Amino acid sequence: MNDLSGKRILLGVSGGIAAYKLPHLVRLFKKSGAEVQVVMTKSAAMFVSPLALATLSGRAVLSEIFPNSASDQESWTNHIRLGEWADGFVLAPATANVVAKLANGFADDMLSVCFLTLRPNKPKLIFPSMDGEMFDAPAVQRNLNVLREQGCLVIEPEVGELASGLVGKGRLPEPEKIFALVCDALSPKEKTLAGKQVVVTAGATREKIDGVRFISNYSSGKMGFALAEAAAELGAETILITGKTSLPTPPNVKRIDVESAEEMFREATRYFETLDVFVAAAAVADYRPAETHQGKLKKSADALELRLVKNPDILLEFGKRKKSHQLSVGFALEIENALENARAKLAAKNCDIVALNRANEEGAGFESETNRLTLLFKDGSCEQLPLQTKREIAKEILKKASFFFRKTSLTSPER
């Protein structure tokens, strides 16, 4: 969707160098049919002209809560009226200072007050932009997590050349990308999984060696969390069973934290009878130490031998119990003979979809923000997805899940 006809957008602008991109964004909004009200901080005016934004939006730019004149009665309630008026709030760029204010409920200018008065269930999109070291600072990450927990969509800044002359994370996305994300957020969402229960496993499991060491892998959990978020957006009752991760819980998702593969297996089996869609996105350890040592193993020999035993296979067990109305989605991380191995997994574990992930491809695999998957279907067909964000891929996979419930058998959408 790129038509915003009739939509009303509150565009917050804070004082970062990336604010110079905002006039072009306002033009994109206006050309698509949206009404735009710009609210900006005082420091934002150091980086972009309020007159330019007012001219392009067709509305006076607002900064102060209080009117210029006591006789201007209508503007006394602008901060309330705009919260009722808007269909969504976009903050770009979001500086560390403004992020801190919004996360902690401050209301000392028009931007912060409009953020608070925006009506419930209206989307709030936050685009942080700052130096990479500042973005990674614990205080900034804590405040961004607070905003996520409040239901805001926080878009990670891009990597590139920064105003400081350094190269790293911190760049505001180009206006075209911001526009596309806003269009997506404001488009009507089909609740195609309403009434369905979706269970997603995510992240890496940890298998204890002793009190301070464990066996694990590099999974960040980002793909599984994106899948849980997408399922909730489509109206599903969503349960996320996750290994250790610092990722924030997606809105409207029930989260269950586990550590080992056995714990994840135990929690997942509780839902085998009731779930409609099982998405096994976790990187579950295949083996665990046969014995866990108490305390800390001391370094006393040149070599240490560990005897490993097999962990329960959660996806295989669900495949054995799966009923005809239930859908099973698995992931296959492969390097060699990728398609053959993924097809074997599809059959052996009675999956309806297997998402093949090639670990040796650039921009894919563990810890990355993007992925490139091949979806293999039970009917023998497959579909190659382009390199895109994990959030976008999650939506594609959940669309296929929705399709399953509209057909007697699952096939690739092209067939």
Foldseek 3Di string as FASTA:
>chain_A
DQACAPAEEEEEEEQDLLLQQVLVLLLSCVVNRYQYAYEYEPNNCVRDPQVSSCVSRVHRYFKAQDDPDPVPVVSVCVLQVLLVVHLEYEYPAQELVNLLCLLVQHDGISNSSSSVNNDPPRAYEYEYADDPVVCPPPVSVVSVLSVQAVPYHYDWADWAQDPVRDTGTGHGDRSVVVSVVVCVRSDDAALLQAPFEEEFEFEWAWFAQEPPDTDIDQAQRVLRQLLQLLNVSSRHQYEYEYEDHPDHHGPNYHYHYDHALQVSLVVVVVCLVPHAEYEYHYPHDQKHFPDYYYDDDDPDDPDDDTDIDGGDDNLQVSLVVPDQRHAYEEEAEDAPPQVVVQVVCCVNSVHQKYWYFHCPDPQDDHPHQWGWTWIAGPVGDIDTDDIDGSNVVSNVVVVQVSVCNVDSGRDDPVD
